């Protein structure tokens, strides 16, 4: 059963992070219309009614992007809880927090994760790949602190004990990794429990799939119920769990989160 969902509402980001492959991927900057986002939510609710999606699903408004680049993101945030029974989470790099802090405080978000790219401006610039002033940096930090007084806020720290955290190779996109011979399973359990919905409506096996290699359906073309019951979905999921053979360059074989035997 699907227990978590990520949705990309805009194909854009205002950072150039060294831990992210976006700088090598074509960016359309396309923003999803509210009508399409509403369609997605209604199809998720239908799948909940069919018992294919958890009755109170974990819903994350961020996927391969910076969601605050979406000029309609506040309206979309408030639409989610009206249409889907969920625990609503929001991820941001924090750059636009000073402008959106008050609206996020009054929104229906249950949890906000802020990427903390450094406790100093020098550290932050090294990870984010863009230059901002000390004043802007302090304003971002203050907005995060103020937000934490009113909302459940978690910081994802890019540095560990003074060293840049080696989080992920993004399935070989940010650092080449020789494919393993066999898919054993996923440490994150992405194939079994997650839905990843891209800006075009494509459903993908994993958040590490930046090139849409594992598309198994499109939510704008079919109902989510039909997709999750389809042979195509079952085939893709079984490859991601190691229950079915896959090509030698299959994305899970290049991913550091493929479970060890």
C-alpha atoms as a PDB file:
ATOM      1  CA  UNK A   1       0.000   0.000   0.000  1.00  0.00           C
ATOM      2  CA  UNK A   2       1.204   3.510  -0.798  1.00  0.00           C
ATOM      3  CA  UNK A   3       2.040   5.347   2.433  1.00  0.00           C
ATOM      4  CA  UNK A   4       3.881   8.421   1.093  1.00  0.00           C
ATOM      5  CA  UNK A   5       3.525  10.718  -1.918  1.00  0.00           C
ATOM      6  CA  UNK A   6       5.801  13.390  -3.396  1.00  0.00           C
ATOM      7  CA  UNK A   7       4.507  15.879  -5.975  1.00  0.00           C
ATOM      8  CA  UNK A   8       6.481  18.290  -8.168  1.00  0.00           C
ATOM      9  CA  UNK A   9       4.415  21.423  -8.841  1.00  0.00           C
ATOM     10  CA  UNK A  10       7.154  23.386 -10.614  1.00  0.00           C
ATOM     11  CA  UNK A  11      10.223  22.320 -12.588  1.00  0.00           C
ATOM     12  CA  UNK A  12      12.539  24.961 -11.169  1.00  0.00           C
ATOM     13  CA  UNK A  13      14.930  25.776  -8.352  1.00  0.00           C
ATOM     14  CA  UNK A  14      16.682  28.973  -7.220  1.00  0.00           C
ATOM     15  CA  UNK A  15      19.872  27.209  -6.061  1.00  0.00           C
ATOM     16  CA  UNK A  16      22.656  25.364  -7.845  1.00  0.00           C
ATOM     17  CA  UNK A  17      23.599  22.821  -5.188  1.00  0.00           C
ATOM     18  CA  UNK A  18      26.663  20.653  -5.567  1.00  0.00           C
ATOM     19  CA  UNK A  19      24.683  17.717  -4.126  1.00  0.00           C
ATOM     20  CA  UNK A  20      21.997  17.994  -6.819  1.00  0.00           C
ATOM     21  CA  UNK A  21      21.997  16.881 -10.485  1.00  0.00           C
ATOM     22  CA  UNK A  22      19.545  19.585 -11.546  1.00  0.00           C
ATOM     23  CA  UNK A  23      22.311  21.688 -13.106  1.00  0.00           C
ATOM     24  CA  UNK A  24      22.881  18.870 -15.629  1.00  0.00           C
ATOM     25  CA  UNK A  25      19.191  18.284 -16.308  1.00  0.00           C
ATOM     26  CA  UNK A  26      17.129  20.457 -18.662  1.00  0.00           C
ATOM     27  CA  UNK A  27      14.862  22.752 -16.668  1.00  0.00           C
ATOM     28  CA  UNK A  28      11.534  23.759 -18.211  1.00  0.00           C
ATOM     29  CA  UNK A  29      10.498  26.075 -15.341  1.00  0.00           C
ATOM     30  CA  UNK A  30       6.984  24.839 -16.051  1.00  0.00           C
ATOM     31  CA  UNK A  31       4.522  25.512 -13.233  1.00  0.00           C
ATOM     32  CA  UNK A  32       1.596  23.143 -12.742  1.00  0.00           C
ATOM     33  CA  UNK A  33      -1.808  24.862 -13.060  1.00  0.00           C
ATOM     34  CA  UNK A  34      -4.105  24.596 -10.042  1.00  0.00           C
ATOM     35  CA  UNK A  35      -6.612  22.646 -12.133  1.00  0.00           C
ATOM     36  CA  UNK A  36      -4.074  19.890 -12.810  1.00  0.00           C
ATOM     37  CA  UNK A  37      -2.968  19.817  -9.186  1.00  0.00           C
ATOM     38  CA  UNK A  38      -6.602  19.472  -8.115  1.00  0.00           C
ATOM     39  CA  UNK A  39      -7.003  16.578 -10.563  1.00  0.00           C
ATOM     40  CA  UNK A  40      -4.042  14.801  -8.934  1.00  0.00           C
ATOM     41  CA  UNK A  41      -5.511  15.275  -5.461  1.00  0.00           C
ATOM     42  CA  UNK A  42      -8.904  13.900  -6.482  1.00  0.00           C
ATOM     43  CA  UNK A  43      -7.284  10.815  -8.025  1.00  0.00           C
ATOM     44  CA  UNK A  44      -5.266  10.250  -4.847  1.00  0.00           C
ATOM     45  CA  UNK A  45      -8.472  10.478  -2.804  1.00  0.00           C
ATOM     46  CA  UNK A  46     -10.110   7.958  -5.120  1.00  0.00           C
ATOM     47  CA  UNK A  47      -7.162   5.578  -4.616  1.00  0.00           C
ATOM     48  CA  UNK A  48      -7.515   6.021  -0.840  1.00  0.00           C
ATOM     49  CA  UNK A  49     -11.137   4.949  -1.140  1.00  0.00           C
ATOM     50  CA  UNK A  50     -10.046   1.878  -3.093  1.00  0.00           C
ATOM     51  CA  UNK A  51      -7.588   0.888  -0.362  1.00  0.00           C
ATOM     52  CA  UNK A  52      -4.506   1.374  -2.561  1.00  0.00           C
ATOM     53  CA  UNK A  53      -3.263   4.488  -0.741  1.00  0.00           C
ATOM     54  CA  UNK A  54      -3.081   4.737   3.047  1.00  0.00           C
ATOM     55  CA  UNK A  55      -6.157   6.387   4.593  1.00  0.00           C
ATOM     56  CA  UNK A  56      -3.940   9.110   6.121  1.00  0.00           C
ATOM     57  CA  UNK A  57      -1.069   9.319   3.706  1.00  0.00           C
ATOM     58  CA  UNK A  58       2.205  11.195   4.143  1.00  0.00           C
ATOM     59  CA  UNK A  59       2.042  13.947   1.498  1.00  0.00           C
ATOM     60  CA  UNK A  60       5.224  15.874   0.633  1.00  0.00           C
ATOM     61  CA  UNK A  61       5.058  19.051  -1.450  1.00  0.00           C
ATOM     62  CA  UNK A  62       8.547  18.948  -2.927  1.00  0.00           C
ATOM     63  CA  UNK A  63      10.116  16.785  -5.575  1.00  0.00           C
ATOM     64  CA  UNK A  64      13.237  17.594  -7.620  1.00  0.00           C
ATOM     65  CA  UNK A  65      12.594  21.324  -7.140  1.00  0.00           C
ATOM     66  CA  UNK A  66      12.261  24.300  -4.812  1.00  0.00           C
ATOM     67  CA  UNK A  67       8.489  24.512  -4.197  1.00  0.00           C
ATOM     68  CA  UNK A  68       8.561  28.186  -3.156  1.00  0.00           C
ATOM     69  CA  UNK A  69       9.471  29.036  -6.768  1.00  0.00           C
ATOM     70  CA  UNK A  70       5.848  28.093  -7.541  1.00  0.00           C
ATOM     71  CA  UNK A  71       3.920  31.381  -7.341  1.00  0.00           C
ATOM     72  CA  UNK A  72       0.730  29.452  -6.556  1.00  0.00           C
ATOM     73  CA  UNK A  73       2.228  27.217  -3.882  1.00  0.00           C
ATOM     74  CA  UNK A  74       0.256  28.645  -0.941  1.00  0.00           C
ATOM     75  CA  UNK A  75      -3.043  28.003  -2.748  1.00  0.00           C
ATOM     76  CA  UNK A  76      -1.877  24.469  -3.536  1.00  0.00           C
ATOM     77  CA  UNK A  77      -0.835  23.876   0.079  1.00  0.00           C
ATOM     78  CA  UNK A  78      -4.265  24.836   1.343  1.00  0.00           C
ATOM     79  CA  UNK A  79      -5.948  22.741  -1.365  1.00  0.00           C
ATOM     80  CA  UNK A  80      -4.247  19.522  -0.226  1.00  0.00           C
ATOM     81  CA  UNK A  81      -5.940  19.191   3.148  1.00  0.00           C
ATOM     82  CA  UNK A  82      -9.340  20.046   1.655  1.00  0.00           C
ATOM     83  CA  UNK A  83      -9.173  17.125  -0.768  1.00  0.00           C
ATOM     84  CA  UNK A  84      -6.870  14.482   0.748  1.00  0.00           C
ATOM     85  CA  UNK A  85      -6.674  13.008   4.245  1.00  0.00           C
ATOM     86  CA  UNK A  86      -2.960  13.351   4.899  1.00  0.00           C
ATOM     87  CA  UNK A  87      -0.042  14.453   7.026  1.00  0.00           C
ATOM     88  CA  UNK A  88       1.219  17.382   4.960  1.00  0.00           C
ATOM     89  CA  UNK A  89       4.962  18.038   4.762  1.00  0.00           C
ATOM     90  CA  UNK A  90       6.891  20.765   2.986  1.00  0.00           C
ATOM     91  CA  UNK A  91      10.575  20.885   2.042  1.00  0.00           C
ATOM     92  CA  UNK A  92      12.483  24.060   1.162  1.00  0.00           C
ATOM     93  CA  UNK A  93      16.057  25.294   0.743  1.00  0.00           C
ATOM     94  CA  UNK A  94      15.057  28.381   2.738  1.00  0.00           C
ATOM     95  CA  UNK A  95      16.100  31.058   0.244  1.00  0.00           C
ATOM     96  CA  UNK A  96      12.573  32.468  -0.064  1.00  0.00           C
ATOM     97  CA  UNK A  97      11.556  31.907   3.558  1.00  0.00           C
ATOM     98  CA  UNK A  98      11.671  35.622   4.512  1.00  0.00           C
ATOM     99  CA  UNK A  99       8.984  36.367   1.920  1.00  0.00           C
ATOM    100  CA  UNK A 100       6.787  33.323   2.664  1.00  0.00           C
ATOM    101  CA  UNK A 101       7.251  32.792   6.414  1.00  0.00           C
ATOM    102  CA  UNK A 102       3.969  34.384   7.542  1.00  0.00           C
ATOM    103  CA  UNK A 103       1.914  32.539   4.917  1.00  0.00           C
ATOM    104  CA  UNK A 104       3.532  29.227   5.844  1.00  0.00           C
ATOM    105  CA  UNK A 105       2.724  29.844   9.521  1.00  0.00           C
ATOM    106  CA  UNK A 106      -0.995  30.182   8.768  1.00  0.00           C
ATOM    107  CA  UNK A 107      -1.067  27.310   6.254  1.00  0.00           C
ATOM    108  CA  UNK A 108      -2.238  23.735   6.817  1.00  0.00           C
ATOM    109  CA  UNK A 109       1.297  22.288   6.770  1.00  0.00           C
ATOM    110  CA  UNK A 110       2.009  19.766   9.531  1.00  0.00           C
ATOM    111  CA  UNK A 111       5.807  19.670   9.162  1.00  0.00           C
ATOM    112  CA  UNK A 112       8.417  21.803   7.383  1.00  0.00           C
ATOM    113  CA  UNK A 113      11.926  20.601   6.543  1.00  0.00           C
ATOM    114  CA  UNK A 114      14.515  23.297   5.825  1.00  0.00           C
ATOM    115  CA  UNK A 115      17.784  22.369   4.147  1.00  0.00           C
ATOM    116  CA  UNK A 116      20.499  23.900   6.315  1.00  0.00           C
ATOM    117  CA  UNK A 117      23.427  24.176   3.900  1.00  0.00           C
ATOM    118  CA  UNK A 118      25.695  25.704   6.515  1.00  0.00           C
ATOM    119  CA  UNK A 119      25.893  27.593   9.777  1.00  0.00           C
ATOM    120  CA  UNK A 120      28.165  30.142   8.118  1.00  0.00           C
ATOM    121  CA  UNK A 121      27.729  32.060   4.870  1.00  0.00           C
ATOM    122  CA  UNK A 122      30.869  30.445   3.470  1.00  0.00           C
ATOM    123  CA  UNK A 123      29.553  26.933   4.119  1.00  0.00           C
ATOM    124  CA  UNK A 124      26.139  27.796   2.688  1.00  0.00           C
ATOM    125  CA  UNK A 125      27.565  29.280  -0.516  1.00  0.00           C
ATOM    126  CA  UNK A 126      29.773  26.217  -1.031  1.00  0.00           C
ATOM    127  CA  UNK A 127      26.775  23.873  -1.028  1.00  0.00           C
ATOM    128  CA  UNK A 128      24.087  26.066  -2.616  1.00  0.00           C
ATOM    129  CA  UNK A 129      26.319  27.201  -5.465  1.00  0.00           C
ATOM    130  CA  UNK A 130      25.016  30.776  -5.499  1.00  0.00           C
ATOM    131  CA  UNK A 131      26.129  34.024  -3.897  1.00  0.00           C
ATOM    132  CA  UNK A 132      23.966  35.862  -1.403  1.00  0.00           C
ATOM    133  CA  UNK A 133      24.818  38.661   0.996  1.00  0.00           C
ATOM    134  CA  UNK A 134      25.439  38.252   4.709  1.00  0.00           C
ATOM    135  CA  UNK A 135      22.244  40.249   5.310  1.00  0.00           C
ATOM    136  CA  UNK A 136      20.222  37.858   3.170  1.00  0.00           C
ATOM    137  CA  UNK A 137      21.795  34.869   4.895  1.00  0.00           C
ATOM    138  CA  UNK A 138      20.869  36.199   8.330  1.00  0.00           C
ATOM    139  CA  UNK A 139      17.318  36.989   7.157  1.00  0.00           C
ATOM    140  CA  UNK A 140      16.918  33.381   5.988  1.00  0.00           C
ATOM    141  CA  UNK A 141      18.172  32.054   9.315  1.00  0.00           C
ATOM    142  CA  UNK A 142      15.877  34.349  11.288  1.00  0.00           C
ATOM    143  CA  UNK A 143      12.861  33.362   9.180  1.00  0.00           C
ATOM    144  CA  UNK A 144      13.617  29.708   9.918  1.00  0.00           C
ATOM    145  CA  UNK A 145      13.915  30.368  13.661  1.00  0.00           C
ATOM    146  CA  UNK A 146      10.673  32.378  13.684  1.00  0.00           C
ATOM    147  CA  UNK A 147       8.881  29.653  11.743  1.00  0.00           C
ATOM    148  CA  UNK A 148      10.055  27.009  14.219  1.00  0.00           C
ATOM    149  CA  UNK A 149       8.260  28.879  17.022  1.00  0.00           C
ATOM    150  CA  UNK A 150       4.905  28.302  15.309  1.00  0.00           C
ATOM    151  CA  UNK A 151       5.363  25.149  13.207  1.00  0.00           C
ATOM    152  CA  UNK A 152       6.973  21.724  13.478  1.00  0.00           C
ATOM    153  CA  UNK A 153      10.294  22.464  11.748  1.00  0.00           C
ATOM    154  CA  UNK A 154      13.121  20.032  11.021  1.00  0.00           C
ATOM    155  CA  UNK A 155      16.523  21.061   9.675  1.00  0.00           C
ATOM    156  CA  UNK A 156      18.367  18.822   7.231  1.00  0.00           C
ATOM    157  CA  UNK A 157      22.036  19.578   7.831  1.00  0.00           C
ATOM    158  CA  UNK A 158      24.449  19.324   4.900  1.00  0.00           C
ATOM    159  CA  UNK A 159      27.520  19.377   7.165  1.00  0.00           C
ATOM    160  CA  UNK A 160      28.547  16.761   9.710  1.00  0.00           C
ATOM    161  CA  UNK A 161      31.393  17.580  12.109  1.00  0.00           C
ATOM    162  CA  UNK A 162      32.799  20.164   9.731  1.00  0.00           C
ATOM    163  CA  UNK A 163      32.639  17.888   6.657  1.00  0.00           C
ATOM    164  CA  UNK A 164      30.178  17.992   3.793  1.00  0.00           C
ATOM    165  CA  UNK A 165      27.745  15.116   4.296  1.00  0.00           C
ATOM    166  CA  UNK A 166      27.973  12.454   1.574  1.00  0.00           C
ATOM    167  CA  UNK A 167      24.234  11.992   1.309  1.00  0.00           C
ATOM    168  CA  UNK A 168      23.552  10.473  -2.117  1.00  0.00           C
ATOM    169  CA  UNK A 169      25.072   9.979  -5.560  1.00  0.00           C
ATOM    170  CA  UNK A 170      21.588  10.501  -7.063  1.00  0.00           C
ATOM    171  CA  UNK A 171      21.859   7.072  -8.663  1.00  0.00           C
ATOM    172  CA  UNK A 172      25.210   7.949 -10.214  1.00  0.00           C
ATOM    173  CA  UNK A 173      24.318  11.400 -11.541  1.00  0.00           C
ATOM    174  CA  UNK A 174      26.423  13.462  -9.123  1.00  0.00           C
ATOM    175  CA  UNK A 175      29.143  10.839  -8.732  1.00  0.00           C
ATOM    176  CA  UNK A 176      29.586   7.821 -10.957  1.00  0.00           C
ATOM    177  CA  UNK A 177      28.939   4.452  -9.375  1.00  0.00           C
ATOM    178  CA  UNK A 178      29.574   1.108 -11.019  1.00  0.00           C
ATOM    179  CA  UNK A 179      26.262  -0.776 -11.214  1.00  0.00           C
ATOM    180  CA  UNK A 180      25.919  -3.799  -8.973  1.00  0.00           C
ATOM    181  CA  UNK A 181      24.909  -7.125 -10.514  1.00  0.00           C
ATOM    182  CA  UNK A 182      21.615  -7.501  -8.700  1.00  0.00           C
ATOM    183  CA  UNK A 183      18.897  -5.411  -7.099  1.00  0.00           C
ATOM    184  CA  UNK A 184      18.343  -6.701  -3.573  1.00  0.00           C
ATOM    185  CA  UNK A 185      15.879  -4.136  -2.267  1.00  0.00           C
ATOM    186  CA  UNK A 186      15.679  -0.488  -1.255  1.00  0.00           C
ATOM    187  CA  UNK A 187      16.850   0.926   2.078  1.00  0.00           C
ATOM    188  CA  UNK A 188      14.238   3.675   1.716  1.00  0.00           C
ATOM    189  CA  UNK A 189      11.520   1.259   0.549  1.00  0.00           C
ATOM    190  CA  UNK A 190      10.705   3.674  -2.268  1.00  0.00           C
ATOM    191  CA  UNK A 191       9.377   1.127  -4.787  1.00  0.00           C
ATOM    192  CA  UNK A 192       6.972  -0.468  -2.322  1.00  0.00           C
ATOM    193  CA  UNK A 193       5.498   2.466  -0.399  1.00  0.00           C
ATOM    194  CA  UNK A 194       5.985   5.713  -2.323  1.00  0.00           C
ATOM    195  CA  UNK A 195       4.428   7.592  -5.233  1.00  0.00           C
ATOM    196  CA  UNK A 196       6.588  10.136  -7.055  1.00  0.00           C
ATOM    197  CA  UNK A 197       4.598  12.424  -9.345  1.00  0.00           C
ATOM    198  CA  UNK A 198       6.576  14.616 -11.749  1.00  0.00           C
ATOM    199  CA  UNK A 199       5.589  17.931 -13.309  1.00  0.00           C
ATOM    200  CA  UNK A 200       4.228  16.215 -16.451  1.00  0.00           C
ATOM    201  CA  UNK A 201       2.162  13.763 -14.410  1.00  0.00           C
ATOM    202  CA  UNK A 202       4.602  10.875 -14.873  1.00  0.00           C
ATOM    203  CA  UNK A 203       4.671   8.374 -12.019  1.00  0.00           C
ATOM    204  CA  UNK A 204       8.205   7.237 -11.169  1.00  0.00           C
ATOM    205  CA  UNK A 205       9.712   4.491  -9.069  1.00  0.00           C
ATOM    206  CA  UNK A 206      12.004   6.708  -7.012  1.00  0.00           C
ATOM    207  CA  UNK A 207      13.008  10.254  -6.045  1.00  0.00           C
ATOM    208  CA  UNK A 208      16.499   9.530  -7.396  1.00  0.00           C
ATOM    209  CA  UNK A 209      15.127   9.159 -10.933  1.00  0.00           C
ATOM    210  CA  UNK A 210      15.861  12.606 -12.396  1.00  0.00           C
ATOM    211  CA  UNK A 211      15.629  11.453 -16.020  1.00  0.00           C
ATOM    212  CA  UNK A 212      12.247   9.704 -15.833  1.00  0.00           C
ATOM    213  CA  UNK A 213      13.808   6.300 -16.556  1.00  0.00           C
ATOM    214  CA  UNK A 214      11.249   4.348 -14.530  1.00  0.00           C
ATOM    215  CA  UNK A 215       7.936   5.837 -15.695  1.00  0.00           C
ATOM    216  CA  UNK A 216       5.084   3.378 -15.209  1.00  0.00           C
ATOM    217  CA  UNK A 217       2.084   5.619 -15.877  1.00  0.00           C
ATOM    218  CA  UNK A 218       0.775   9.167 -16.143  1.00  0.00           C
ATOM    219  CA  UNK A 219      -1.793  10.443 -13.677  1.00  0.00           C
ATOM    220  CA  UNK A 220      -3.257  12.902 -16.191  1.00  0.00           C
ATOM    221  CA  UNK A 221      -3.963  10.102 -18.663  1.00  0.00           C
ATOM    222  CA  UNK A 222      -5.362   7.385 -16.373  1.00  0.00           C
ATOM    223  CA  UNK A 223      -6.828   7.050 -12.923  1.00  0.00           C
ATOM    224  CA  UNK A 224      -4.399   6.269 -10.116  1.00  0.00           C
ATOM    225  CA  UNK A 225      -6.458   3.188  -9.277  1.00  0.00           C
ATOM    226  CA  UNK A 226      -5.964   1.822 -12.803  1.00  0.00           C
ATOM    227  CA  UNK A 227      -2.230   2.584 -12.745  1.00  0.00           C
ATOM    228  CA  UNK A 228      -1.604   0.915  -9.375  1.00  0.00           C
ATOM    229  CA  UNK A 229      -3.457  -2.179 -10.544  1.00  0.00           C
ATOM    230  CA  UNK A 230      -1.663  -2.299 -13.884  1.00  0.00           C
ATOM    231  CA  UNK A 231       0.804  -4.945 -15.024  1.00  0.00           C
ATOM    232  CA  UNK A 232       3.242  -2.160 -15.918  1.00  0.00           C
ATOM    233  CA  UNK A 233       3.320  -0.903 -12.322  1.00  0.00           C
ATOM    234  CA  UNK A 234       3.740  -4.419 -10.929  1.00  0.00           C
ATOM    235  CA  UNK A 235       6.557  -5.114 -13.386  1.00  0.00           C
ATOM    236  CA  UNK A 236       8.431  -1.918 -12.436  1.00  0.00           C
ATOM    237  CA  UNK A 237       7.953  -2.419  -8.705  1.00  0.00           C
ATOM    238  CA  UNK A 238       9.216  -5.998  -8.910  1.00  0.00           C
ATOM    239  CA  UNK A 239      12.357  -4.796 -10.674  1.00  0.00           C
ATOM    240  CA  UNK A 240      12.876  -2.208  -7.931  1.00  0.00           C
ATOM    241  CA  UNK A 241      12.524  -4.839  -5.218  1.00  0.00           C
ATOM    242  CA  UNK A 242      14.708  -7.422  -6.919  1.00  0.00           C
ATOM    243  CA  UNK A 243      11.847  -9.878  -7.467  1.00  0.00           C
ATOM    244  CA  UNK A 244      12.190  -9.590 -11.239  1.00  0.00           C
ATOM    245  CA  UNK A 245      15.378  -9.374 -13.369  1.00  0.00           C
ATOM    246  CA  UNK A 246      16.304  -5.921 -14.682  1.00  0.00           C
ATOM    247  CA  UNK A 247      18.649  -4.440 -17.286  1.00  0.00           C
ATOM    248  CA  UNK A 248      22.295  -4.089 -16.262  1.00  0.00           C
ATOM    249  CA  UNK A 249      21.994  -0.294 -16.115  1.00  0.00           C
ATOM    250  CA  UNK A 250      18.694  -0.262 -14.212  1.00  0.00           C
ATOM    251  CA  UNK A 251      18.596   2.760 -11.894  1.00  0.00           C
ATOM    252  CA  UNK A 252      18.436   0.745  -8.658  1.00  0.00           C
ATOM    253  CA  UNK A 253      21.686  -1.000  -9.580  1.00  0.00           C
ATOM    254  CA  UNK A 254      23.420   2.401  -9.699  1.00  0.00           C
ATOM    255  CA  UNK A 255      21.948   3.622  -6.403  1.00  0.00           C
ATOM    256  CA  UNK A 256      23.756   3.584  -3.059  1.00  0.00           C
ATOM    257  CA  UNK A 257      20.460   2.786  -1.334  1.00  0.00           C
ATOM    258  CA  UNK A 258      20.220  -0.634  -2.956  1.00  0.00           C
ATOM    259  CA  UNK A 259      20.303  -2.957   0.052  1.00  0.00           C
ATOM    260  CA  UNK A 260      23.344  -5.083   0.634  1.00  0.00           C
ATOM    261  CA  UNK A 261      22.836  -8.835   0.599  1.00  0.00           C
END
